[in-house]
C-alpha atoms as a PDB file:
ATOM      1  CA  MET A   1     -83.640   3.308 161.636  1.00  0.00           C
ATOM      2  CA  SER A   2     -85.046   4.157 158.353  1.00  0.00           C
ATOM      3  CA  VAL A   3     -83.967   6.807 155.931  1.00  0.00           C
ATOM      4  CA  VAL A   4     -87.227   8.728 156.733  1.00  0.00           C
ATOM      5  CA  THR A   5     -86.869   8.922 160.445  1.00  0.00           C
ATOM      6  CA  ASP A   6     -83.194   9.553 160.211  1.00  0.00           C
ATOM      7  CA  THR A   7     -83.955  12.455 158.059  1.00  0.00           C
ATOM      8  CA  ARG A   8     -86.813  13.702 160.128  1.00  0.00           C
ATOM      9  CA  ASP A   9     -84.575  13.415 163.269  1.00  0.00           C
ATOM     10  CA  ALA A  10     -81.728  15.258 161.397  1.00  0.00           C
ATOM     11  CA  VAL A  11     -83.834  18.196 160.609  1.00  0.00           C
ATOM     12  CA  ALA A  12     -85.133  18.334 164.207  1.00  0.00           C
ATOM     13  CA  SER A  13     -81.605  18.138 165.484  1.00  0.00           C
ATOM     14  CA  SER A  14     -80.195  20.759 163.342  1.00  0.00           C
ATOM     15  CA  LEU A  15     -83.085  23.063 164.127  1.00  0.00           C
ATOM     16  CA  ALA A  16     -82.553  22.453 168.052  1.00  0.00           C
ATOM     17  CA  ALA A  17     -78.876  23.052 167.843  1.00  0.00           C
ATOM     18  CA  ALA A  18     -79.438  26.343 166.031  1.00  0.00           C
ATOM     19  CA  MET A  19     -81.965  27.499 168.709  1.00  0.00           C
ATOM     20  CA  LYS A  20     -79.426  26.630 171.411  1.00  0.00           C
ATOM     21  CA  GLU A  21     -76.417  28.638 169.846  1.00  0.00           C
ATOM     22  CA  GLU A  22     -75.398  31.765 171.636  1.00  0.00           C
ATOM     23  CA  PRO A  23     -76.739  33.970 170.263  1.00  0.00           C
ATOM     24  CA  PRO A  24     -79.687  32.044 169.251  1.00  0.00           C
ATOM     25  CA  LEU A  25     -80.077  31.830 165.432  1.00  0.00           C
ATOM     26  CA  PHE A  26     -83.974  32.212 165.867  1.00  0.00           C
ATOM     27  CA  ALA A  27     -86.237  33.848 168.310  1.00  0.00           C
ATOM     28  CA  PRO A  28     -88.514  33.204 170.176  1.00  0.00           C
ATOM     29  CA  LEU A  29     -86.975  30.063 171.312  1.00  0.00           C
ATOM     30  CA  LEU A  30     -89.477  27.017 171.229  1.00  0.00           C
ATOM     31  CA  SER A  31     -89.259  23.344 171.900  1.00  0.00           C
ATOM     32  CA  VAL A  32     -88.378  21.155 168.754  1.00  0.00           C
ATOM     33  CA  ASP A  33     -90.230  17.773 168.720  1.00  0.00           C
ATOM     34  CA  ALA A  34     -89.970  15.117 166.023  1.00  0.00           C
ATOM     35  CA  GLY A  35     -93.074  13.071 165.672  1.00  0.00           C
ATOM     36  CA  TYR A  36     -96.261  12.274 163.561  1.00  0.00           C
ATOM     37  CA  ASP A  37     -99.058  14.396 164.141  1.00  0.00           C
ATOM     38  CA  PHE A  38     -98.852  18.124 164.500  1.00  0.00           C
ATOM     39  CA  TYR A  39    -102.491  18.547 163.741  1.00  0.00           C
ATOM     40  CA  ASP A  40    -104.048  15.972 166.364  1.00  0.00           C
ATOM     41  CA  SER A  41    -101.773  17.130 169.339  1.00  0.00           C
ATOM     42  CA  ILE A  42    -102.759  20.746 169.437  1.00  0.00           C
ATOM     43  CA  ASP A  43    -104.717  20.459 172.484  1.00  0.00           C
ATOM     44  CA  GLY A  44    -101.262  19.929 174.408  1.00  0.00           C
ATOM     45  CA  LEU A  45    -100.351  23.351 173.769  1.00  0.00           C
ATOM     46  CA  LYS A  46    -100.690  25.633 176.847  1.00  0.00           C
ATOM     47  CA  ALA A  47    -102.049  29.190 176.512  1.00  0.00           C
ATOM     48  CA  ALA A  48     -99.504  31.387 175.095  1.00  0.00           C
ATOM     49  CA  GLY A  49     -97.201  28.676 174.382  1.00  0.00           C
ATOM     50  CA  GLY A  50     -95.529  27.152 171.204  1.00  0.00           C
ATOM     51  CA  ARG A  51     -93.361  24.530 169.629  1.00  0.00           C
ATOM     52  CA  VAL A  52     -91.734  23.457 166.454  1.00  0.00           C
ATOM     53  CA  MET A  53     -92.999  20.097 165.311  1.00  0.00           C
ATOM     54  CA  VAL A  54     -91.029  18.092 162.687  1.00  0.00           C
ATOM     55  CA  THR A  55     -92.664  14.999 160.820  1.00  0.00           C
ATOM     56  CA  ALA A  56     -91.763  13.167 157.617  1.00  0.00           C
ATOM     57  CA  PRO A  57     -94.868  12.137 155.937  1.00  0.00           C
ATOM     58  CA  LYS A  58     -93.637  11.158 152.257  1.00  0.00           C
ATOM     59  CA  LYS A  59     -90.812   9.092 150.550  1.00  0.00           C
ATOM     60  CA  THR A  60     -90.299   8.568 147.004  1.00  0.00           C
ATOM     61  CA  CYS A  61     -87.696   6.199 145.436  1.00  0.00           C
ATOM     62  CA  ASP A  62     -86.148   6.375 142.063  1.00  0.00           C
ATOM     63  CA  PRO A  63     -85.116   3.013 140.669  1.00  0.00           C
ATOM     64  CA  ALA A  64     -81.433   2.468 140.697  1.00  0.00           C
ATOM     65  CA  SER A  65     -79.735   2.763 137.300  1.00  0.00           C
ATOM     66  CA  ARG A  66     -76.832   0.537 136.167  1.00  0.00           C
ATOM     67  CA  GLY A  67     -76.018  -0.551 139.705  1.00  0.00           C
ATOM     68  CA  GLY A  68     -75.516   3.115 141.121  1.00  0.00           C
ATOM     69  CA  PRO A  69     -76.901   4.576 144.424  1.00  0.00           C
ATOM     70  CA  ARG A  70     -80.372   4.606 144.790  1.00  0.00           C
ATOM     71  CA  LYS A  71     -81.951   8.235 144.978  1.00  0.00           C
ATOM     72  CA  ARG A  72     -84.461   8.891 147.824  1.00  0.00           C
ATOM     73  CA  GLN A  73     -86.682  11.937 148.016  1.00  0.00           C
ATOM     74  CA  ILE A  74     -87.992  12.558 151.482  1.00  0.00           C
ATOM     75  CA  ASP A  75     -90.541  15.468 152.308  1.00  0.00           C
ATOM     76  CA  VAL A  76     -90.096  16.740 155.887  1.00  0.00           C
ATOM     77  CA  TYR A  77     -92.898  19.017 157.356  1.00  0.00           C
ATOM     78  CA  VAL A  78     -91.634  21.726 159.811  1.00  0.00           C
ATOM     79  CA  ALA A  79     -94.735  23.215 161.596  1.00  0.00           C
ATOM     80  CA  VAL A  80     -94.244  26.534 163.917  1.00  0.00           C
ATOM     81  CA  GLN A  81     -97.243  26.381 166.295  1.00  0.00           C
ATOM     82  CA  TYR A  82     -98.135  28.920 168.908  1.00  0.00           C
ATOM     83  CA  LYS A  83    -101.444  29.065 171.088  1.00  0.00           C
ATOM     84  CA  TYR A  84    -102.054  32.807 171.170  1.00  0.00           C
ATOM     85  CA  THR A  85    -104.004  34.970 173.733  1.00  0.00           C
ATOM     86  CA  THR A  86    -105.028  38.088 171.925  1.00  0.00           C
ATOM     87  CA  GLY A  87    -104.079  37.069 168.392  1.00  0.00           C
ATOM     88  CA  ASP A  88    -102.822  40.790 167.588  1.00  0.00           C
ATOM     89  CA  THR A  89     -99.917  41.339 165.266  1.00  0.00           C
ATOM     90  CA  LYS A  90     -97.598  42.058 168.340  1.00  0.00           C
ATOM     91  CA  GLU A  91     -98.264  38.654 169.652  1.00  0.00           C
ATOM     92  CA  ILE A  92     -98.249  36.621 166.146  1.00  0.00           C
ATOM     93  CA  ASP A  93     -95.551  38.359 163.956  1.00  0.00           C
ATOM     94  CA  PRO A  94     -92.501  36.877 165.905  1.00  0.00           C
ATOM     95  CA  TYR A  95     -93.836  33.257 165.200  1.00  0.00           C
ATOM     96  CA  GLN A  96     -94.542  34.124 161.417  1.00  0.00           C
ATOM     97  CA  GLU A  97     -90.884  35.560 161.261  1.00  0.00           C
ATOM     98  CA  LEU A  98     -89.643  32.416 163.084  1.00  0.00           C
ATOM     99  CA  ALA A  99     -91.263  30.172 160.185  1.00  0.00           C
ATOM    100  CA  GLU A 100     -89.572  32.535 157.577  1.00  0.00           C
ATOM    101  CA  ALA A 101     -86.208  32.382 159.306  1.00  0.00           C
ATOM    102  CA  ILE A 102     -86.487  28.522 159.451  1.00  0.00           C
ATOM    103  CA  ALA A 103     -87.184  28.500 155.822  1.00  0.00           C
ATOM    104  CA  ASP A 104     -84.071  30.479 155.142  1.00  0.00           C
ATOM    105  CA  TYR A 105     -82.037  28.633 157.384  1.00  0.00           C
ATOM    106  CA  PHE A 106     -82.579  25.303 155.612  1.00  0.00           C
ATOM    107  CA  GLU A 107     -81.967  26.673 152.103  1.00  0.00           C
ATOM    108  CA  ARG A 108     -79.411  24.119 150.418  1.00  0.00           C
ATOM    109  CA  LYS A 109     -78.312  22.669 153.639  1.00  0.00           C
ATOM    110  CA  THR A 110     -76.873  19.275 154.144  1.00  0.00           C
ATOM    111  CA  LEU A 111     -78.079  17.277 157.183  1.00  0.00           C
ATOM    112  CA  SER A 112     -76.175  15.153 159.474  1.00  0.00           C
ATOM    113  CA  ASN A 113     -77.334  11.934 157.836  1.00  0.00           C
ATOM    114  CA  GLY A 114     -76.141  13.065 154.340  1.00  0.00           C
ATOM    115  CA  ALA A 115     -79.311  14.232 152.972  1.00  0.00           C
ATOM    116  CA  THR A 116     -79.273  17.663 151.053  1.00  0.00           C
ATOM    117  CA  ILE A 117     -82.266  19.904 151.202  1.00  0.00           C
ATOM    118  CA  VAL A 118     -82.959  20.731 147.576  1.00  0.00           C
ATOM    119  CA  LYS A 119     -86.309  22.805 148.095  1.00  0.00           C
ATOM    120  CA  VAL A 120     -88.001  24.801 150.798  1.00  0.00           C
ATOM    121  CA  ASP A 121     -91.707  25.388 150.187  1.00  0.00           C
ATOM    122  CA  HIS A 122     -94.040  27.575 152.356  1.00  0.00           C
ATOM    123  CA  PRO A 123     -97.272  27.316 150.202  1.00  0.00           C
ATOM    124  CA  GLN A 124     -99.587  28.504 153.153  1.00  0.00           C
ATOM    125  CA  LEU A 125     -98.051  30.954 155.590  1.00  0.00           C
ATOM    126  CA  TRP A 126    -100.569  30.125 158.407  1.00  0.00           C
ATOM    127  CA  SER A 127    -103.822  27.817 158.707  1.00  0.00           C
ATOM    128  CA  ASP A 128    -106.912  30.028 158.817  1.00  0.00           C
ATOM    129  CA  GLU A 129    -108.761  27.005 160.167  1.00  0.00           C
ATOM    130  CA  HIS A 130    -106.576  26.583 163.347  1.00  0.00           C
ATOM    131  CA  PHE A 131    -106.264  30.235 163.730  1.00  0.00           C
ATOM    132  CA  ARG A 132    -110.031  30.749 163.825  1.00  0.00           C
ATOM    133  CA  SER A 133    -111.239  27.653 165.507  1.00  0.00           C
ATOM    134  CA  LEU A 134    -108.502  26.651 167.701  1.00  0.00           C
ATOM    135  CA  ARG A 135    -106.745  29.886 168.413  1.00  0.00           C
ATOM    136  CA  VAL A 136    -103.383  28.490 167.267  1.00  0.00           C
ATOM    137  CA  PHE A 137    -101.077  30.054 164.786  1.00  0.00           C
ATOM    138  CA  THR A 138     -99.576  27.138 162.581  1.00  0.00           C
ATOM    139  CA  SER A 139     -97.302  27.641 159.743  1.00  0.00           C
ATOM    140  CA  VAL A 140     -96.031  24.641 157.886  1.00  0.00           C
ATOM    141  CA  LEU A 141     -92.944  24.495 155.806  1.00  0.00           C
ATOM    142  CA  THR A 142     -92.082  21.618 153.401  1.00  0.00           C
ATOM    143  CA  LEU A 143     -88.521  20.606 153.164  1.00  0.00           C
ATOM    144  CA  THR A 144     -87.610  18.426 150.169  1.00  0.00           C
ATOM    145  CA  CYS A 145     -84.561  16.416 151.021  1.00  0.00           C
ATOM    146  CA  LEU A 146     -82.679  13.990 148.584  1.00  0.00           C
ATOM    147  CA  ILE A 147     -80.329  11.352 149.904  1.00  0.00           C
ATOM    148  CA  PHE A 148     -78.280   8.648 147.808  1.00  0.00           C
ATOM    149  CA  GLN A 149     -78.036   5.185 149.320  1.00  0.00           C
END
């Protein structure tokens, strides 16, 4: 496997494990999927259903210096998506809180593949376009991971 897919899958498995703990670290419990297109597969969400989608769209390589390990920076997107019925705060707030809890969970975490999360960015708390036109709450976090090879 590539370092990108290894890192993406490590994020997804860490999140899935945290959701299965007793008591769960996160509520509401949703499925966790690793893949490539959390924007194009929204139609698969059922009414009043949700998921957490993990994808890794970017890798940056720093040149090796003096034969040392090569530093790789991988950005991983974690999207919390929920197809709502009414759109009121009682229905949506738990999913916004879930996105915030996921951000807190991954701060300074080392993943199973050895990558360390050095930055968690949550620039847009929800996608207004998805909310208005697709009736889907979508909140995307960016995890910046460093790994040395």
